[in-house]
Every structure is written in C-alpha cells, then in structure tokens.
Amino acid sequence: MRQKPRFFWTGLVVANLVVGCVLGFYRNSGAAPPRTGEPFANSVRQRAEMIVHLKEMKQLLKEQNALLRSGKVKVVVAQP
C-alpha cells in the first residue's frame, strides 16, 4: 500500500524535472532569422502591382491587335 503514493510522487517529480529541462532550453536562437518587415503581405502594394501588370498587358494586347489588323502579320493555324 505504501508503494503506490511513493511511485506517484516520484513520477510527478521526474515529470516536473523533464518539463523544467525542456523549458530551460527554450530561447530565441541565432539560427532563426530576425523578424523584419510586416508579418503579412501588404495588400495595397499587391493591388498596385497588379494594376501595373494589367496596364502593361492591356498595352501589349493593343499592339498585338494593331499588328493583326494591319495585315503585316499572318497567322497560320495548323492541325496536328
């Protein structure tokens, strides 16, 4: 009867020591890169970039359509 409480307290002390040792090693190490900048992407900057890309695509499509309408470029479609 006396062994059961003694085993419980021994196990509890050992568990606390293990947890204490694990938490003792916890720290911010030099291996992790320092946190710089924003944690998430800037949505305003992303929208601005997307608008710039869309404007470039629009301009390229205008040029492509002008070439096709001018007749200087012939498009040949061949079936495989």
PDB file of N, CA and C in Angstrom:
ATOM      1  N   MET A   1       0.807  -1.192   0.000  1.00  0.00           N
ATOM      2  CA  MET A   1       0.000   0.000   0.000  1.00  0.00           C
ATOM      3  C   MET A   1       0.855   1.262   0.000  1.00  0.00           C
ATOM      4  N   ARG A   2       1.986   1.170   0.603  1.00  0.00           N
ATOM      5  CA  ARG A   2       2.832   2.345   0.753  1.00  0.00           C
ATOM      6  C   ARG A   2       3.554   2.678  -0.552  1.00  0.00           C
ATOM      7  N   GLN A   3       3.721   1.732  -1.472  1.00  0.00           N
ATOM      8  CA  GLN A   3       4.485   1.932  -2.700  1.00  0.00           C
ATOM      9  C   GLN A   3       3.742   2.816  -3.714  1.00  0.00           C
ATOM     10  N   LYS A   4       2.418   2.746  -3.743  1.00  0.00           N
ATOM     11  CA  LYS A   4       1.647   3.470  -4.729  1.00  0.00           C
ATOM     12  C   LYS A   4       1.799   4.991  -4.587  1.00  0.00           C
ATOM     13  N   PRO A   5       1.620   5.590  -3.414  1.00  0.00           N
ATOM     14  CA  PRO A   5       1.810   7.043  -3.305  1.00  0.00           C
ATOM     15  C   PRO A   5       3.262   7.455  -3.554  1.00  0.00           C
ATOM     16  N   ARG A   6       4.211   6.619  -3.132  1.00  0.00           N
ATOM     17  CA  ARG A   6       5.615   6.957  -3.340  1.00  0.00           C
ATOM     18  C   ARG A   6       5.941   6.954  -4.834  1.00  0.00           C
ATOM     19  N   PHE A   7       5.421   5.984  -5.580  1.00  0.00           N
ATOM     20  CA  PHE A   7       5.624   5.915  -7.018  1.00  0.00           C
ATOM     21  C   PHE A   7       4.996   7.133  -7.705  1.00  0.00           C
ATOM     22  N   PHE A   8       3.823   7.549  -7.251  1.00  0.00           N
ATOM     23  CA  PHE A   8       3.125   8.710  -7.808  1.00  0.00           C
ATOM     24  C   PHE A   8       3.964   9.971  -7.630  1.00  0.00           C
ATOM     25  N   TRP A   9       4.463  10.194  -6.417  1.00  0.00           N
ATOM     26  CA  TRP A   9       5.239  11.407  -6.153  1.00  0.00           C
ATOM     27  C   TRP A   9       6.583  11.385  -6.887  1.00  0.00           C
ATOM     28  N   THR A  10       7.174  10.224  -6.995  1.00  0.00           N
ATOM     29  CA  THR A  10       8.436  10.115  -7.742  1.00  0.00           C
ATOM     30  C   THR A  10       8.195  10.430  -9.216  1.00  0.00           C
ATOM     31  N   GLY A  11       7.147   9.880  -9.764  1.00  0.00           N
ATOM     32  CA  GLY A  11       6.803  10.158 -11.158  1.00  0.00           C
ATOM     33  C   GLY A  11       6.487  11.626 -11.387  1.00  0.00           C
ATOM     34  N   LEU A  12       5.797  12.240 -10.452  1.00  0.00           N
ATOM     35  CA  LEU A  12       5.457  13.648 -10.557  1.00  0.00           C
ATOM     36  C   LEU A  12       6.714  14.523 -10.523  1.00  0.00           C
ATOM     37  N   VAL A  13       7.649  14.203  -9.640  1.00  0.00           N
ATOM     38  CA  VAL A  13       8.897  14.961  -9.554  1.00  0.00           C
ATOM     39  C   VAL A  13       9.711  14.787 -10.829  1.00  0.00           C
ATOM     40  N   VAL A  14       9.798  13.573 -11.349  1.00  0.00           N
ATOM     41  CA  VAL A  14      10.542  13.323 -12.575  1.00  0.00           C
ATOM     42  C   VAL A  14       9.896  14.075 -13.748  1.00  0.00           C
ATOM     43  N   ALA A  15       8.582  14.053 -13.828  1.00  0.00           N
ATOM     44  CA  ALA A  15       7.881  14.761 -14.907  1.00  0.00           C
ATOM     45  C   ALA A  15       8.146  16.260 -14.819  1.00  0.00           C
ATOM     46  N   ASN A  16       8.137  16.813 -13.619  1.00  0.00           N
ATOM     47  CA  ASN A  16       8.423  18.238 -13.454  1.00  0.00           C
ATOM     48  C   ASN A  16       9.861  18.565 -13.848  1.00  0.00           C
ATOM     49  N   LEU A  17      10.789  17.694 -13.520  1.00  0.00           N
ATOM     50  CA  LEU A  17      12.180  17.918 -13.910  1.00  0.00           C
ATOM     51  C   LEU A  17      12.340  17.896 -15.430  1.00  0.00           C
ATOM     52  N   VAL A  18      11.676  16.949 -16.080  1.00  0.00           N
ATOM     53  CA  VAL A  18      11.751  16.864 -17.538  1.00  0.00           C
ATOM     54  C   VAL A  18      11.173  18.123 -18.175  1.00  0.00           C
ATOM     55  N   VAL A  19      10.022  18.541 -17.705  1.00  0.00           N
ATOM     56  CA  VAL A  19       9.396  19.756 -18.250  1.00  0.00           C
ATOM     57  C   VAL A  19      10.286  20.965 -17.978  1.00  0.00           C
ATOM     58  N   GLY A  20      10.861  21.042 -16.793  1.00  0.00           N
ATOM     59  CA  GLY A  20      11.758  22.157 -16.474  1.00  0.00           C
ATOM     60  C   GLY A  20      12.982  22.184 -17.358  1.00  0.00           C
ATOM     61  N   CYS A  21      13.550  21.025 -17.639  1.00  0.00           N
ATOM     62  CA  CYS A  21      14.723  20.963 -18.518  1.00  0.00           C
ATOM     63  C   CYS A  21      14.367  21.373 -19.951  1.00  0.00           C
ATOM     64  N   VAL A  22      13.233  20.899 -20.434  1.00  0.00           N
ATOM     65  CA  VAL A  22      12.810  21.244 -21.791  1.00  0.00           C
ATOM     66  C   VAL A  22      12.567  22.747 -21.894  1.00  0.00           C
ATOM     67  N   LEU A  23      11.886  23.321 -20.924  1.00  0.00           N
ATOM     68  CA  LEU A  23      11.626  24.756 -20.962  1.00  0.00           C
ATOM     69  C   LEU A  23      12.892  25.564 -20.713  1.00  0.00           C
ATOM     70  N   GLY A  24      13.854  24.990 -20.035  1.00  0.00           N
ATOM     71  CA  GLY A  24      15.118  25.681 -19.813  1.00  0.00           C
ATOM     72  C   GLY A  24      15.907  25.869 -21.084  1.00  0.00           C
ATOM     73  N   PHE A  25      15.730  24.993 -22.059  1.00  0.00           N
ATOM     74  CA  PHE A  25      16.431  25.116 -23.330  1.00  0.00           C
ATOM     75  C   PHE A  25      15.704  26.033 -24.307  1.00  0.00           C
ATOM     76  N   TYR A  26      14.495  26.450 -23.977  1.00  0.00           N
ATOM     77  CA  TYR A  26      13.711  27.285 -24.879  1.00  0.00           C
ATOM     78  C   TYR A  26      14.238  28.720 -24.850  1.00  0.00           C
ATOM     79  N   ARG A  27      14.631  29.213 -26.015  1.00  0.00           N
ATOM     80  CA  ARG A  27      15.049  30.607 -26.153  1.00  0.00           C
ATOM     81  C   ARG A  27      15.095  30.928 -27.638  1.00  0.00           C
ATOM     82  N   ASN A  28      15.175  32.202 -27.946  1.00  0.00           N
ATOM     83  CA  ASN A  28      15.335  32.612 -29.336  1.00  0.00           C
ATOM     84  C   ASN A  28      16.788  32.418 -29.706  1.00  0.00           C
ATOM     85  N   SER A  29      17.018  31.547 -30.639  1.00  0.00           N
ATOM     86  CA  SER A  29      18.392  31.240 -31.014  1.00  0.00           C
ATOM     87  C   SER A  29      18.800  32.070 -32.228  1.00  0.00           C
ATOM     88  N   GLY A  30      20.077  32.066 -32.504  1.00  0.00           N
ATOM     89  CA  GLY A  30      20.599  32.774 -33.658  1.00  0.00           C
ATOM     90  C   GLY A  30      20.293  32.067 -34.963  1.00  0.00           C
ATOM     91  N   ALA A  31      19.836  30.837 -34.902  1.00  0.00           N
ATOM     92  CA  ALA A  31      19.537  30.091 -36.122  1.00  0.00           C
ATOM     93  C   ALA A  31      18.300  30.644 -36.817  1.00  0.00           C
ATOM     94  N   ALA A  32      17.378  31.166 -36.059  1.00  0.00           N
ATOM     95  CA  ALA A  32      16.172  31.723 -36.651  1.00  0.00           C
ATOM     96  C   ALA A  32      16.489  33.115 -37.189  1.00  0.00           C
ATOM     97  N   PRO A  33      16.026  33.436 -38.400  1.00  0.00           N
ATOM     98  CA  PRO A  33      16.312  34.764 -38.934  1.00  0.00           C
ATOM     99  C   PRO A  33      15.563  35.822 -38.131  1.00  0.00           C
ATOM    100  N   PRO A  34      16.146  36.994 -38.008  1.00  0.00           N
ATOM    101  CA  PRO A  34      15.459  38.045 -37.259  1.00  0.00           C
ATOM    102  C   PRO A  34      14.192  38.465 -37.985  1.00  0.00           C
ATOM    103  N   ARG A  35      13.187  38.774 -37.232  1.00  0.00           N
ATOM    104  CA  ARG A  35      11.904  39.137 -37.810  1.00  0.00           C
ATOM    105  C   ARG A  35      11.973  40.582 -38.311  1.00  0.00           C
ATOM    106  N   THR A  36      11.820  40.739 -39.591  1.00  0.00           N
ATOM    107  CA  THR A  36      11.847  42.065 -40.184  1.00  0.00           C
ATOM    108  C   THR A  36      10.622  42.258 -41.041  1.00  0.00           C
ATOM    109  N   GLY A  37      10.192  43.474 -41.137  1.00  0.00           N
ATOM    110  CA  GLY A  37       9.071  43.772 -42.017  1.00  0.00           C
ATOM    111  C   GLY A  37       7.740  43.357 -41.435  1.00  0.00           C
ATOM    112  N   GLU A  38       6.781  43.342 -42.313  1.00  0.00           N
ATOM    113  CA  GLU A  38       5.418  43.030 -41.912  1.00  0.00           C
ATOM    114  C   GLU A  38       5.202  41.517 -41.898  1.00  0.00           C
ATOM    115  N   PRO A  39       4.353  41.031 -41.010  1.00  0.00           N
ATOM    116  CA  PRO A  39       4.114  39.587 -40.965  1.00  0.00           C
ATOM    117  C   PRO A  39       3.313  39.087 -42.165  1.00  0.00           C
ATOM    118  N   PHE A  40       2.511  39.971 -42.771  1.00  0.00           N
ATOM    119  CA  PHE A  40       1.709  39.578 -43.929  1.00  0.00           C
ATOM    120  C   PHE A  40       2.030  40.510 -45.089  1.00  0.00           C
ATOM    121  N   ALA A  41       1.709  40.074 -46.284  1.00  0.00           N
ATOM    122  CA  ALA A  41       1.949  40.895 -47.464  1.00  0.00           C
ATOM    123  C   ALA A  41       1.050  42.130 -47.419  1.00  0.00           C
ATOM    124  N   ASN A  42       1.556  43.212 -47.941  1.00  0.00           N
ATOM    125  CA  ASN A  42       0.810  44.463 -47.977  1.00  0.00           C
ATOM    126  C   ASN A  42      -0.175  44.406 -49.129  1.00  0.00           C
ATOM    127  N   SER A  43      -1.460  44.399 -48.831  1.00  0.00           N
ATOM    128  CA  SER A  43      -2.480  44.231 -49.868  1.00  0.00           C
ATOM    129  C   SER A  43      -2.551  45.444 -50.781  1.00  0.00           C
ATOM    130  N   VAL A  44      -2.271  46.641 -50.257  1.00  0.00           N
ATOM    131  CA  VAL A  44      -2.311  47.843 -51.089  1.00  0.00           C
ATOM    132  C   VAL A  44      -1.193  47.782 -52.126  1.00  0.00           C
ATOM    133  N   ARG A  45      -0.012  47.366 -51.717  1.00  0.00           N
ATOM    134  CA  ARG A  45       1.119  47.246 -52.638  1.00  0.00           C
ATOM    135  C   ARG A  45       0.839  46.165 -53.684  1.00  0.00           C
ATOM    136  N   GLN A  46       0.226  45.050 -53.252  1.00  0.00           N
ATOM    137  CA  GLN A  46      -0.105  43.981 -54.198  1.00  0.00           C
ATOM    138  C   GLN A  46      -1.095  44.471 -55.243  1.00  0.00           C
ATOM    139  N   ARG A  47      -2.109  45.232 -54.817  1.00  0.00           N
ATOM    140  CA  ARG A  47      -3.081  45.764 -55.771  1.00  0.00           C
ATOM    141  C   ARG A  47      -2.421  46.721 -56.750  1.00  0.00           C
ATOM    142  N   ALA A  48      -1.514  47.554 -56.247  1.00  0.00           N
ATOM    143  CA  ALA A  48      -0.825  48.498 -57.126  1.00  0.00           C
ATOM    144  C   ALA A  48       0.009  47.748 -58.167  1.00  0.00           C
ATOM    145  N   GLU A  49       0.714  46.697 -57.746  1.00  0.00           N
ATOM    146  CA  GLU A  49       1.493  45.896 -58.686  1.00  0.00           C
ATOM    147  C   GLU A  49       0.581  45.224 -59.714  1.00  0.00           C
ATOM    148  N   MET A  50      -0.553  44.719 -59.246  1.00  0.00           N
ATOM    149  CA  MET A  50      -1.481  44.053 -60.152  1.00  0.00           C
ATOM    150  C   MET A  50      -2.017  45.039 -61.192  1.00  0.00           C
ATOM    151  N   ILE A  51      -2.301  46.262 -60.767  1.00  0.00           N
ATOM    152  CA  ILE A  51      -2.797  47.274 -61.707  1.00  0.00           C
ATOM    153  C   ILE A  51      -1.732  47.597 -62.752  1.00  0.00           C
ATOM    154  N   VAL A  52      -0.485  47.716 -62.308  1.00  0.00           N
ATOM    155  CA  VAL A  52       0.612  47.989 -63.252  1.00  0.00           C
ATOM    156  C   VAL A  52       0.720  46.855 -64.277  1.00  0.00           C
ATOM    157  N   HIS A  53       0.666  45.623 -63.814  1.00  0.00           N
ATOM    158  CA  HIS A  53       0.760  44.478 -64.725  1.00  0.00           C
ATOM    159  C   HIS A  53      -0.424  44.439 -65.686  1.00  0.00           C
ATOM    160  N   LEU A  54      -1.600  44.739 -65.186  1.00  0.00           N
ATOM    161  CA  LEU A  54      -2.775  44.740 -66.058  1.00  0.00           C
ATOM    162  C   LEU A  54      -2.678  45.834 -67.114  1.00  0.00           C
ATOM    163  N   LYS A  55      -2.146  46.992 -66.741  1.00  0.00           N
ATOM    164  CA  LYS A  55      -1.964  48.064 -67.720  1.00  0.00           C
ATOM    165  C   LYS A  55      -0.950  47.657 -68.792  1.00  0.00           C
ATOM    166  N   GLU A  56       0.127  46.991 -68.382  1.00  0.00           N
ATOM    167  CA  GLU A  56       1.111  46.505 -69.345  1.00  0.00           C
ATOM    168  C   GLU A  56       0.484  45.489 -70.300  1.00  0.00           C
ATOM    169  N   MET A  57      -0.325  44.590 -69.747  1.00  0.00           N
ATOM    170  CA  MET A  57      -0.988  43.587 -70.588  1.00  0.00           C
ATOM    171  C   MET A  57      -1.950  44.257 -71.569  1.00  0.00           C
ATOM    172  N   LYS A  58      -2.659  45.270 -71.103  1.00  0.00           N
ATOM    173  CA  LYS A  58      -3.598  45.984 -71.964  1.00  0.00           C
ATOM    174  C   LYS A  58      -2.857  46.635 -73.131  1.00  0.00           C
ATOM    175  N   GLN A  59      -1.706  47.253 -72.823  1.00  0.00           N
ATOM    176  CA  GLN A  59      -0.912  47.889 -73.869  1.00  0.00           C
ATOM    177  C   GLN A  59      -0.401  46.857 -74.872  1.00  0.00           C
ATOM    178  N   LEU A  60       0.069  45.716 -74.376  1.00  0.00           N
ATOM    179  CA  LEU A  60       0.564  44.668 -75.272  1.00  0.00           C
ATOM    180  C   LEU A  60      -0.555  44.112 -76.151  1.00  0.00           C
ATOM    181  N   LEU A  61      -1.740  43.972 -75.591  1.00  0.00           N
ATOM    182  CA  LEU A  61      -2.874  43.496 -76.389  1.00  0.00           C
ATOM    183  C   LEU A  61      -3.252  44.501 -77.469  1.00  0.00           C
ATOM    184  N   LYS A  62      -3.167  45.788 -77.164  1.00  0.00           N
ATOM    185  CA  LYS A  62      -3.446  46.817 -78.170  1.00  0.00           C
ATOM    186  C   LYS A  62      -2.449  46.718 -79.316  1.00  0.00           C
ATOM    187  N   GLU A  63      -1.173  46.541 -78.979  1.00  0.00           N
ATOM    188  CA  GLU A  63      -0.143  46.407 -80.010  1.00  0.00           C
ATOM    189  C   GLU A  63      -0.375  45.161 -80.859  1.00  0.00           C
ATOM    190  N   GLN A  64      -0.729  44.056 -80.192  1.00  0.00           N
ATOM    191  CA  GLN A  64      -0.966  42.805 -80.911  1.00  0.00           C
ATOM    192  C   GLN A  64      -2.159  42.950 -81.851  1.00  0.00           C
ATOM    193  N   ASN A  65      -3.224  43.560 -81.372  1.00  0.00           N
ATOM    194  CA  ASN A  65      -4.411  43.750 -82.222  1.00  0.00           C
ATOM    195  C   ASN A  65      -4.106  44.678 -83.389  1.00  0.00           C
ATOM    196  N   ALA A  66      -3.302  45.710 -83.156  1.00  0.00           N
ATOM    197  CA  ALA A  66      -2.938  46.625 -84.240  1.00  0.00           C
ATOM    198  C   ALA A  66      -2.134  45.887 -85.305  1.00  0.00           C
ATOM    199  N   LEU A  67      -1.210  45.015 -84.876  1.00  0.00           N
ATOM    200  CA  LEU A  67      -0.433  44.236 -85.849  1.00  0.00           C
ATOM    201  C   LEU A  67      -1.320  43.301 -86.649  1.00  0.00           C
ATOM    202  N   LEU A  68      -2.245  42.661 -85.972  1.00  0.00           N
ATOM    203  CA  LEU A  68      -3.124  41.727 -86.669  1.00  0.00           C
ATOM    204  C   LEU A  68      -4.037  42.456 -87.650  1.00  0.00           C
ATOM    205  N   ARG A  69      -4.501  43.647 -87.300  1.00  0.00           N
ATOM    206  CA  ARG A  69      -5.398  44.407 -88.179  1.00  0.00           C
ATOM    207  C   ARG A  69      -4.643  45.003 -89.372  1.00  0.00           C
ATOM    208  N   SER A  70      -3.375  45.290 -89.186  1.00  0.00           N
ATOM    209  CA  SER A  70      -2.604  45.924 -90.256  1.00  0.00           C
ATOM    210  C   SER A  70      -2.354  44.976 -91.431  1.00  0.00           C
ATOM    211  N   GLY A  71      -2.355  43.699 -91.181  1.00  0.00           N
ATOM    212  CA  GLY A  71      -2.119  42.726 -92.236  1.00  0.00           C
ATOM    213  C   GLY A  71      -0.650  42.418 -92.446  1.00  0.00           C
ATOM    214  N   LYS A  72       0.228  43.015 -91.666  1.00  0.00           N
ATOM    215  CA  LYS A  72       1.663  42.754 -91.797  1.00  0.00           C
ATOM    216  C   LYS A  72       2.039  41.388 -91.227  1.00  0.00           C
ATOM    217  N   VAL A  73       1.209  40.878 -90.372  1.00  0.00           N
ATOM    218  CA  VAL A  73       1.484  39.594 -89.731  1.00  0.00           C
ATOM    219  C   VAL A  73       0.392  38.622 -90.155  1.00  0.00           C
ATOM    220  N   LYS A  74       0.811  37.450 -90.588  1.00  0.00           N
ATOM    221  CA  LYS A  74      -0.168  36.422 -90.932  1.00  0.00           C
ATOM    222  C   LYS A  74      -0.116  35.315 -89.904  1.00  0.00           C
ATOM    223  N   VAL A  75      -1.278  34.886 -89.479  1.00  0.00           N
ATOM    224  CA  VAL A  75      -1.373  33.827 -88.501  1.00  0.00           C
ATOM    225  C   VAL A  75      -1.741  32.554 -89.209  1.00  0.00           C
ATOM    226  N   VAL A  76      -0.930  31.522 -89.034  1.00  0.00           N
ATOM    227  CA  VAL A  76      -1.176  30.232 -89.663  1.00  0.00           C
ATOM    228  C   VAL A  76      -1.484  29.234 -88.563  1.00  0.00           C
ATOM    229  N   VAL A  77      -2.647  28.614 -88.681  1.00  0.00           N
ATOM    230  CA  VAL A  77      -3.044  27.613 -87.697  1.00  0.00           C
ATOM    231  C   VAL A  77      -3.004  26.270 -88.387  1.00  0.00           C
ATOM    232  N   ALA A  78      -2.219  25.364 -87.842  1.00  0.00           N
ATOM    233  CA  ALA A  78      -2.099  24.032 -88.423  1.00  0.00           C
ATOM    234  C   ALA A  78      -2.587  23.002 -87.422  1.00  0.00           C
ATOM    235  N   GLN A  79      -3.320  22.051 -87.911  1.00  0.00           N
ATOM    236  CA  GLN A  79      -3.798  20.998 -87.023  1.00  0.00           C
ATOM    237  C   GLN A  79      -2.734  19.940 -86.890  1.00  0.00           C
ATOM    238  N   PRO A  80      -2.584  19.375 -85.700  1.00  0.00           N
ATOM    239  CA  PRO A  80      -1.553  18.357 -85.510  1.00  0.00           C
ATOM    240  C   PRO A  80      -1.884  17.042 -86.195  1.00  0.00           C
TER     241      PRO A  80
END
